N, C-alpha and C. Protein backbone atom coordinates (compact mmCIF):
# COMPACT_ATOMS: atom_id res chain seq x y z
N MET A 1 -25.80 -4.02 11.75
CA MET A 1 -25.86 -2.83 12.56
C MET A 1 -24.51 -2.53 13.20
N PHE A 2 -23.86 -3.56 13.77
CA PHE A 2 -22.55 -3.40 14.39
C PHE A 2 -21.52 -2.98 13.34
N GLU A 3 -21.58 -3.60 12.15
CA GLU A 3 -20.62 -3.26 11.09
C GLU A 3 -20.78 -1.81 10.65
N LEU A 4 -22.01 -1.32 10.55
CA LEU A 4 -22.23 0.08 10.18
C LEU A 4 -21.63 1.02 11.21
N LYS A 5 -21.73 0.66 12.47
CA LYS A 5 -21.15 1.48 13.53
C LYS A 5 -19.62 1.52 13.39
N ILE A 6 -19.02 0.37 13.12
CA ILE A 6 -17.56 0.29 12.95
C ILE A 6 -17.13 1.13 11.74
N LYS A 7 -17.84 1.01 10.63
CA LYS A 7 -17.52 1.81 9.44
C LYS A 7 -17.57 3.30 9.74
N LYS A 8 -18.61 3.72 10.44
CA LYS A 8 -18.78 5.13 10.79
C LYS A 8 -17.64 5.60 11.70
N LEU A 9 -17.28 4.79 12.68
CA LEU A 9 -16.19 5.15 13.59
C LEU A 9 -14.86 5.23 12.85
N MET A 10 -14.61 4.28 11.94
CA MET A 10 -13.36 4.33 11.16
C MET A 10 -13.32 5.60 10.32
N SER A 11 -14.44 5.94 9.71
CA SER A 11 -14.54 7.15 8.90
C SER A 11 -14.27 8.40 9.74
N ASP A 12 -14.85 8.45 10.93
CA ASP A 12 -14.62 9.59 11.83
C ASP A 12 -13.14 9.70 12.20
N PHE A 13 -12.52 8.58 12.51
CA PHE A 13 -11.10 8.57 12.86
C PHE A 13 -10.25 9.06 11.69
N LEU A 14 -10.55 8.57 10.49
CA LEU A 14 -9.78 8.95 9.30
C LEU A 14 -9.96 10.43 8.96
N ASN A 15 -11.10 11.00 9.30
CA ASN A 15 -11.29 12.44 9.11
C ASN A 15 -10.34 13.24 10.00
N GLU A 16 -10.05 12.69 11.18
CA GLU A 16 -9.10 13.34 12.08
C GLU A 16 -7.66 13.06 11.68
N ARG A 17 -7.42 11.94 10.99
CA ARG A 17 -6.08 11.54 10.56
C ARG A 17 -6.09 11.24 9.06
N PRO A 18 -6.15 12.28 8.22
CA PRO A 18 -6.24 12.05 6.77
C PRO A 18 -4.98 11.43 6.15
N ASP A 19 -3.89 11.34 6.92
CA ASP A 19 -2.67 10.72 6.42
C ASP A 19 -2.72 9.19 6.50
N ILE A 20 -3.75 8.66 7.15
CA ILE A 20 -3.92 7.21 7.30
C ILE A 20 -5.11 6.77 6.46
N PHE A 21 -5.03 5.56 5.90
CA PHE A 21 -6.16 5.02 5.15
C PHE A 21 -6.28 3.52 5.42
N ILE A 22 -7.49 3.03 5.22
CA ILE A 22 -7.80 1.62 5.45
C ILE A 22 -7.48 0.83 4.18
N ILE A 23 -6.68 -0.21 4.34
CA ILE A 23 -6.41 -1.13 3.23
C ILE A 23 -7.51 -2.18 3.15
N ASP A 24 -7.84 -2.74 4.31
CA ASP A 24 -8.87 -3.77 4.36
C ASP A 24 -9.37 -3.88 5.79
N TYR A 25 -10.56 -4.38 5.93
CA TYR A 25 -11.09 -4.70 7.26
C TYR A 25 -12.09 -5.83 7.11
N SER A 26 -12.26 -6.54 8.21
CA SER A 26 -13.26 -7.60 8.21
C SER A 26 -13.84 -7.72 9.61
N ILE A 27 -15.08 -8.15 9.64
CA ILE A 27 -15.76 -8.45 10.90
C ILE A 27 -16.35 -9.85 10.71
N VAL A 28 -15.81 -10.80 11.45
CA VAL A 28 -16.23 -12.19 11.27
C VAL A 28 -16.65 -12.80 12.60
N ASN A 29 -17.26 -13.94 12.50
CA ASN A 29 -17.69 -14.74 13.65
C ASN A 29 -18.26 -13.89 14.77
N ASP A 30 -17.77 -14.06 15.93
CA ASP A 30 -18.32 -13.38 17.11
C ASP A 30 -17.76 -11.97 17.24
N ASN A 31 -18.01 -11.14 16.23
CA ASN A 31 -17.56 -9.75 16.23
C ASN A 31 -16.04 -9.62 16.36
N GLU A 32 -15.32 -10.47 15.62
CA GLU A 32 -13.86 -10.35 15.55
C GLU A 32 -13.55 -9.33 14.46
N ILE A 33 -12.98 -8.21 14.86
CA ILE A 33 -12.68 -7.12 13.94
C ILE A 33 -11.19 -7.12 13.64
N GLU A 34 -10.86 -7.12 12.34
CA GLU A 34 -9.46 -6.99 11.92
C GLU A 34 -9.38 -5.85 10.93
N ILE A 35 -8.46 -4.92 11.18
CA ILE A 35 -8.30 -3.75 10.33
C ILE A 35 -6.84 -3.63 9.94
N ILE A 36 -6.60 -3.44 8.64
CA ILE A 36 -5.25 -3.24 8.13
C ILE A 36 -5.17 -1.81 7.61
N ILE A 37 -4.19 -1.06 8.12
CA ILE A 37 -4.05 0.35 7.74
C ILE A 37 -2.69 0.60 7.08
N ASP A 38 -2.65 1.67 6.31
CA ASP A 38 -1.41 2.16 5.73
C ASP A 38 -1.50 3.68 5.80
N GLY A 39 -0.45 4.34 5.38
CA GLY A 39 -0.47 5.79 5.46
C GLY A 39 0.38 6.44 4.40
N ASP A 40 0.19 7.73 4.26
CA ASP A 40 0.99 8.50 3.30
C ASP A 40 2.44 8.56 3.75
N ASN A 41 2.67 8.39 5.04
CA ASN A 41 4.00 8.26 5.62
C ASN A 41 4.05 6.88 6.24
N ASP A 42 5.11 6.57 6.92
CA ASP A 42 5.19 5.26 7.56
C ASP A 42 4.14 5.14 8.66
N ILE A 43 3.61 3.94 8.82
CA ILE A 43 2.67 3.65 9.89
C ILE A 43 3.47 3.15 11.08
N THR A 44 3.14 3.67 12.25
CA THR A 44 3.83 3.25 13.46
C THR A 44 2.89 2.42 14.33
N VAL A 45 3.46 1.80 15.33
CA VAL A 45 2.65 1.07 16.30
C VAL A 45 1.67 2.03 16.96
N ASN A 46 2.11 3.26 17.21
CA ASN A 46 1.24 4.25 17.83
C ASN A 46 0.03 4.58 16.97
N ASP A 47 0.19 4.55 15.64
CA ASP A 47 -0.95 4.78 14.75
C ASP A 47 -1.98 3.66 14.92
N CYS A 48 -1.51 2.43 15.00
CA CYS A 48 -2.41 1.28 15.20
C CYS A 48 -3.09 1.39 16.56
N ILE A 49 -2.32 1.75 17.57
CA ILE A 49 -2.88 1.90 18.92
C ILE A 49 -3.94 3.01 18.94
N SER A 50 -3.66 4.11 18.25
CA SER A 50 -4.61 5.23 18.23
C SER A 50 -5.96 4.82 17.66
N LEU A 51 -5.93 4.13 16.53
CA LEU A 51 -7.19 3.67 15.93
C LEU A 51 -7.89 2.68 16.84
N SER A 52 -7.14 1.76 17.39
CA SER A 52 -7.71 0.76 18.28
C SER A 52 -8.37 1.41 19.50
N ARG A 53 -7.67 2.33 20.12
CA ARG A 53 -8.23 3.02 21.30
C ARG A 53 -9.44 3.86 20.94
N TYR A 54 -9.39 4.48 19.77
CA TYR A 54 -10.53 5.29 19.33
C TYR A 54 -11.78 4.40 19.21
N LEU A 55 -11.62 3.27 18.53
CA LEU A 55 -12.76 2.38 18.34
C LEU A 55 -13.26 1.84 19.69
N GLU A 56 -12.33 1.39 20.52
CA GLU A 56 -12.72 0.82 21.81
C GLU A 56 -13.42 1.84 22.71
N SER A 57 -13.03 3.10 22.60
CA SER A 57 -13.65 4.11 23.46
C SER A 57 -15.05 4.50 23.00
N HIS A 58 -15.41 4.12 21.77
CA HIS A 58 -16.72 4.49 21.24
C HIS A 58 -17.69 3.31 21.11
N ILE A 59 -17.28 2.15 21.59
CA ILE A 59 -18.16 0.99 21.53
C ILE A 59 -18.41 0.50 22.96
N ASP A 60 -19.66 0.33 23.27
CA ASP A 60 -20.05 -0.14 24.59
C ASP A 60 -19.92 -1.66 24.65
N ARG A 61 -18.98 -2.13 25.44
CA ARG A 61 -18.75 -3.58 25.55
C ARG A 61 -19.92 -4.31 26.20
N ASN A 62 -20.74 -3.58 26.92
CA ASN A 62 -21.93 -4.21 27.51
C ASN A 62 -22.96 -4.55 26.44
N LEU A 63 -22.94 -3.81 25.33
CA LEU A 63 -23.86 -4.07 24.22
C LEU A 63 -23.25 -4.97 23.16
N ASN A 64 -21.95 -4.81 22.93
CA ASN A 64 -21.26 -5.57 21.88
C ASN A 64 -19.95 -6.14 22.43
N ASP A 65 -19.91 -7.44 22.51
CA ASP A 65 -18.66 -8.09 22.86
C ASP A 65 -17.88 -8.25 21.56
N PHE A 66 -16.61 -7.87 21.55
CA PHE A 66 -15.83 -7.94 20.32
C PHE A 66 -14.36 -8.10 20.65
N SER A 67 -13.60 -8.57 19.65
CA SER A 67 -12.15 -8.55 19.71
C SER A 67 -11.68 -7.66 18.57
N LEU A 68 -10.56 -6.99 18.78
CA LEU A 68 -10.10 -6.01 17.81
C LEU A 68 -8.61 -6.19 17.55
N ASN A 69 -8.25 -6.24 16.27
CA ASN A 69 -6.85 -6.35 15.86
C ASN A 69 -6.61 -5.31 14.77
N VAL A 70 -5.81 -4.30 15.08
CA VAL A 70 -5.44 -3.27 14.11
C VAL A 70 -3.97 -3.46 13.79
N LYS A 71 -3.65 -3.61 12.50
CA LYS A 71 -2.25 -3.80 12.13
C LYS A 71 -1.89 -3.00 10.89
N SER A 72 -0.60 -2.80 10.72
CA SER A 72 -0.12 -2.04 9.57
C SER A 72 0.05 -2.98 8.37
N PHE A 73 0.02 -2.39 7.20
CA PHE A 73 0.22 -3.12 5.96
C PHE A 73 1.68 -3.57 5.91
N GLY A 74 1.93 -4.82 5.56
CA GLY A 74 3.28 -5.37 5.55
C GLY A 74 4.16 -4.76 4.46
N ALA A 75 5.44 -4.62 4.78
CA ALA A 75 6.40 -4.01 3.85
C ALA A 75 6.63 -4.84 2.60
N THR A 76 6.42 -6.14 2.67
CA THR A 76 6.69 -6.99 1.52
C THR A 76 5.42 -7.42 0.78
N LYS A 77 4.29 -6.92 1.20
CA LYS A 77 3.03 -7.30 0.56
C LYS A 77 2.79 -6.48 -0.71
N PRO A 78 2.11 -7.06 -1.68
CA PRO A 78 1.76 -6.31 -2.89
C PRO A 78 0.81 -5.15 -2.58
N PHE A 79 1.00 -4.04 -3.26
CA PHE A 79 0.15 -2.87 -3.08
C PHE A 79 -1.28 -3.20 -3.48
N ILE A 80 -2.22 -2.58 -2.80
CA ILE A 80 -3.63 -2.78 -3.09
C ILE A 80 -4.25 -1.50 -3.66
N LEU A 81 -3.86 -0.36 -3.12
CA LEU A 81 -4.41 0.93 -3.54
C LEU A 81 -3.36 1.78 -4.25
N SER A 82 -3.78 2.55 -5.23
CA SER A 82 -2.84 3.43 -5.95
C SER A 82 -2.20 4.45 -5.00
N ARG A 83 -2.90 4.80 -3.95
CA ARG A 83 -2.37 5.77 -2.98
C ARG A 83 -1.10 5.26 -2.30
N GLN A 84 -0.89 3.96 -2.27
CA GLN A 84 0.29 3.39 -1.62
C GLN A 84 1.58 3.67 -2.37
N TYR A 85 1.52 3.96 -3.65
CA TYR A 85 2.73 4.15 -4.45
C TYR A 85 3.47 5.45 -4.09
N TYR A 86 2.73 6.47 -3.73
CA TYR A 86 3.32 7.80 -3.55
C TYR A 86 4.46 7.83 -2.54
N LYS A 87 4.31 7.14 -1.43
CA LYS A 87 5.35 7.20 -0.41
C LYS A 87 6.59 6.37 -0.78
N HIS A 88 6.49 5.60 -1.86
CA HIS A 88 7.61 4.76 -2.26
C HIS A 88 8.39 5.32 -3.46
N LYS A 89 8.12 6.56 -3.79
CA LYS A 89 8.86 7.22 -4.87
C LYS A 89 10.35 7.18 -4.54
N GLY A 90 11.16 6.78 -5.51
CA GLY A 90 12.60 6.67 -5.31
C GLY A 90 13.05 5.28 -4.89
N ARG A 91 12.12 4.40 -4.59
CA ARG A 91 12.46 3.04 -4.19
C ARG A 91 12.33 2.10 -5.38
N THR A 92 12.97 0.95 -5.27
CA THR A 92 12.89 -0.06 -6.32
C THR A 92 11.65 -0.91 -6.12
N LEU A 93 10.88 -1.04 -7.20
CA LEU A 93 9.65 -1.84 -7.18
C LEU A 93 9.77 -3.01 -8.13
N SER A 94 9.10 -4.07 -7.80
CA SER A 94 8.89 -5.19 -8.69
C SER A 94 7.44 -5.08 -9.15
N VAL A 95 7.24 -4.92 -10.45
CA VAL A 95 5.90 -4.70 -11.00
C VAL A 95 5.61 -5.74 -12.07
N MET A 96 4.51 -6.44 -11.90
CA MET A 96 4.10 -7.44 -12.88
C MET A 96 2.85 -6.96 -13.59
N THR A 97 2.92 -6.97 -14.91
CA THR A 97 1.76 -6.67 -15.74
C THR A 97 1.34 -7.97 -16.42
N ASN A 98 0.31 -7.91 -17.25
CA ASN A 98 -0.09 -9.10 -18.00
C ASN A 98 0.99 -9.52 -18.99
N GLU A 99 1.77 -8.54 -19.47
CA GLU A 99 2.75 -8.81 -20.51
C GLU A 99 4.14 -9.14 -19.99
N LYS A 100 4.56 -8.48 -18.89
CA LYS A 100 5.96 -8.55 -18.51
C LYS A 100 6.14 -8.21 -17.03
N LYS A 101 7.29 -8.59 -16.50
CA LYS A 101 7.67 -8.21 -15.15
C LYS A 101 8.79 -7.18 -15.23
N TYR A 102 8.68 -6.10 -14.44
CA TYR A 102 9.66 -5.03 -14.43
C TYR A 102 10.26 -4.88 -13.04
N LEU A 103 11.52 -4.50 -13.00
CA LEU A 103 12.18 -4.18 -11.75
C LEU A 103 12.85 -2.84 -11.99
N GLY A 104 12.38 -1.82 -11.32
CA GLY A 104 12.93 -0.49 -11.56
C GLY A 104 12.62 0.48 -10.44
N LYS A 105 13.26 1.62 -10.53
CA LYS A 105 13.07 2.68 -9.54
C LYS A 105 11.79 3.44 -9.89
N LEU A 106 10.96 3.64 -8.90
CA LEU A 106 9.72 4.40 -9.08
C LEU A 106 10.10 5.88 -9.12
N ILE A 107 9.98 6.49 -10.29
CA ILE A 107 10.39 7.89 -10.41
C ILE A 107 9.23 8.87 -10.48
N ASP A 108 8.03 8.37 -10.77
CA ASP A 108 6.88 9.26 -10.80
C ASP A 108 5.60 8.47 -10.59
N VAL A 109 4.62 9.15 -10.01
CA VAL A 109 3.30 8.57 -9.77
C VAL A 109 2.29 9.67 -10.01
N ASN A 110 1.19 9.34 -10.68
CA ASN A 110 0.07 10.27 -10.77
C ASN A 110 -1.22 9.47 -10.61
N ASP A 111 -2.34 10.07 -10.85
CA ASP A 111 -3.61 9.38 -10.60
C ASP A 111 -3.92 8.27 -11.61
N LYS A 112 -3.13 8.17 -12.70
CA LYS A 112 -3.41 7.17 -13.72
C LYS A 112 -2.32 6.11 -13.88
N ASN A 113 -1.06 6.49 -13.59
CA ASN A 113 0.02 5.54 -13.84
C ASN A 113 1.24 5.80 -12.97
N ILE A 114 2.20 4.88 -13.13
CA ILE A 114 3.50 5.03 -12.48
C ILE A 114 4.56 5.05 -13.58
N VAL A 115 5.74 5.59 -13.24
CA VAL A 115 6.86 5.58 -14.17
C VAL A 115 8.02 4.89 -13.46
N LEU A 116 8.53 3.84 -14.11
CA LEU A 116 9.69 3.11 -13.60
C LEU A 116 10.90 3.40 -14.48
N SER A 117 12.07 3.40 -13.85
CA SER A 117 13.33 3.61 -14.57
C SER A 117 14.33 2.55 -14.12
N TRP A 118 15.13 2.06 -15.06
CA TRP A 118 16.16 1.08 -14.73
C TRP A 118 17.28 1.18 -15.77
N GLN A 119 18.43 0.59 -15.43
CA GLN A 119 19.54 0.56 -16.37
C GLN A 119 19.69 -0.84 -16.91
N GLU A 120 20.08 -0.89 -18.19
CA GLU A 120 20.18 -2.17 -18.88
C GLU A 120 21.40 -2.15 -19.79
N ARG A 121 22.09 -3.28 -19.87
CA ARG A 121 23.23 -3.41 -20.79
C ARG A 121 22.70 -3.87 -22.15
N GLN A 122 23.14 -3.16 -23.20
CA GLN A 122 22.71 -3.49 -24.56
C GLN A 122 23.92 -3.43 -25.49
N PRO A 123 23.83 -4.17 -26.60
CA PRO A 123 24.93 -4.10 -27.56
C PRO A 123 25.08 -2.68 -28.10
N LYS A 124 26.34 -2.29 -28.37
CA LYS A 124 26.59 -0.97 -28.96
C LYS A 124 25.93 -0.91 -30.34
N PRO A 125 25.44 0.27 -30.73
CA PRO A 125 24.83 0.38 -32.07
C PRO A 125 25.84 0.10 -33.17
N VAL A 126 27.11 0.47 -32.92
CA VAL A 126 28.17 0.24 -33.90
C VAL A 126 29.36 -0.37 -33.17
N GLY A 127 29.90 -1.43 -33.72
CA GLY A 127 31.07 -2.05 -33.11
C GLY A 127 30.69 -3.11 -32.09
N LYS A 128 31.77 -3.62 -31.47
CA LYS A 128 31.59 -4.68 -30.48
C LYS A 128 31.43 -4.08 -29.09
N GLY A 129 30.93 -4.92 -28.19
CA GLY A 129 30.80 -4.49 -26.80
C GLY A 129 29.38 -4.09 -26.44
N LYS A 130 29.26 -3.65 -25.22
CA LYS A 130 27.94 -3.25 -24.72
C LYS A 130 28.04 -1.89 -24.05
N ILE A 131 26.89 -1.23 -23.99
CA ILE A 131 26.78 0.05 -23.29
C ILE A 131 25.62 -0.05 -22.29
N THR A 132 25.66 0.79 -21.29
CA THR A 132 24.57 0.85 -20.31
C THR A 132 23.62 1.96 -20.71
N VAL A 133 22.36 1.61 -20.85
CA VAL A 133 21.34 2.60 -21.21
C VAL A 133 20.28 2.66 -20.11
N THR A 134 19.70 3.82 -19.94
CA THR A 134 18.61 3.99 -18.99
C THR A 134 17.30 3.86 -19.73
N LYS A 135 16.43 3.02 -19.21
CA LYS A 135 15.12 2.80 -19.82
C LYS A 135 14.04 3.27 -18.85
N GLU A 136 12.91 3.66 -19.41
CA GLU A 136 11.77 4.11 -18.62
C GLU A 136 10.50 3.54 -19.23
N ILE A 137 9.53 3.33 -18.37
CA ILE A 137 8.23 2.89 -18.87
C ILE A 137 7.14 3.49 -17.99
N ASP A 138 6.07 3.93 -18.66
CA ASP A 138 4.84 4.35 -17.97
C ASP A 138 3.93 3.13 -17.91
N ILE A 139 3.44 2.83 -16.73
CA ILE A 139 2.53 1.68 -16.58
C ILE A 139 1.23 2.18 -15.97
N ASN A 140 0.15 1.98 -16.69
CA ASN A 140 -1.17 2.37 -16.20
C ASN A 140 -1.58 1.46 -15.05
N PHE A 141 -2.22 2.04 -14.02
CA PHE A 141 -2.63 1.26 -12.86
C PHE A 141 -3.48 0.05 -13.24
N ASN A 142 -4.36 0.20 -14.25
CA ASN A 142 -5.23 -0.93 -14.58
C ASN A 142 -4.49 -2.06 -15.30
N LYS A 143 -3.21 -1.86 -15.65
CA LYS A 143 -2.41 -2.92 -16.27
C LYS A 143 -1.57 -3.67 -15.24
N ILE A 144 -1.49 -3.14 -14.02
CA ILE A 144 -0.65 -3.74 -12.99
C ILE A 144 -1.39 -4.89 -12.32
N LYS A 145 -0.79 -6.08 -12.38
CA LYS A 145 -1.34 -7.25 -11.70
C LYS A 145 -0.83 -7.31 -10.27
N GLU A 146 0.44 -6.94 -10.08
CA GLU A 146 1.04 -6.97 -8.75
C GLU A 146 2.24 -6.02 -8.73
N ALA A 147 2.37 -5.29 -7.65
CA ALA A 147 3.52 -4.42 -7.45
C ALA A 147 3.86 -4.40 -5.98
N LYS A 148 5.17 -4.47 -5.71
CA LYS A 148 5.62 -4.39 -4.32
C LYS A 148 7.04 -3.86 -4.28
N VAL A 149 7.41 -3.38 -3.12
CA VAL A 149 8.75 -2.85 -2.90
C VAL A 149 9.73 -4.00 -2.91
N LYS A 150 10.82 -3.82 -3.61
CA LYS A 150 11.90 -4.82 -3.63
C LYS A 150 12.86 -4.44 -2.51
N ILE A 151 12.87 -5.25 -1.49
CA ILE A 151 13.73 -4.98 -0.33
C ILE A 151 15.09 -5.59 -0.55
N LYS A 152 16.12 -4.77 -0.36
CA LYS A 152 17.49 -5.24 -0.52
C LYS A 152 18.03 -5.67 0.84
N TYR A 153 18.65 -6.83 0.87
CA TYR A 153 19.22 -7.35 2.12
C TYR A 153 20.72 -7.20 2.11
C-alpha cells in the first residue's frame, strides 16, 4: 500500500516535470526509500530536493515513518534507459556490445539505435604509410551490453 502511494506521487511529480525521469527506486526494510533520477538536461541538487520535498509534503509521517534519499544518476555509471543517450549527443561514449567494444563520438540517437563516429589510422590503399579515416557504426539498443560517457581528465 505504501509503495503504491510512492509510485503515484512520483508519477504526479513527473507529470509536472516531464524533463525528469526515474532511473530506479527501491523501498526496503523500514520504509527506506531510495530514488535515482536523471533528466533530459543535467540534474541539479535542486531537482533532487524538489522531488524529495514533494514526496515528504504528501506523506503523513504520523501514518508512515520513512527515510528518503533522492539522488542523481552518476556521470560515470552505465546508461540504463535509451532516453539517457539524447543529452549526450556530441560526447565520447564507450559502448560494449556482445561482439566488440567501441569508443566514439555519439553523433545520432533515435528510438532504435545510436550512431558512433571515430577516427582510425589505416594502411594506405596504395603505397606505404597510413591515412586517417572516419568510421561510423549504427548500434541497435538491444545489442548494447553497456554504454557510458568517457570522461576525459
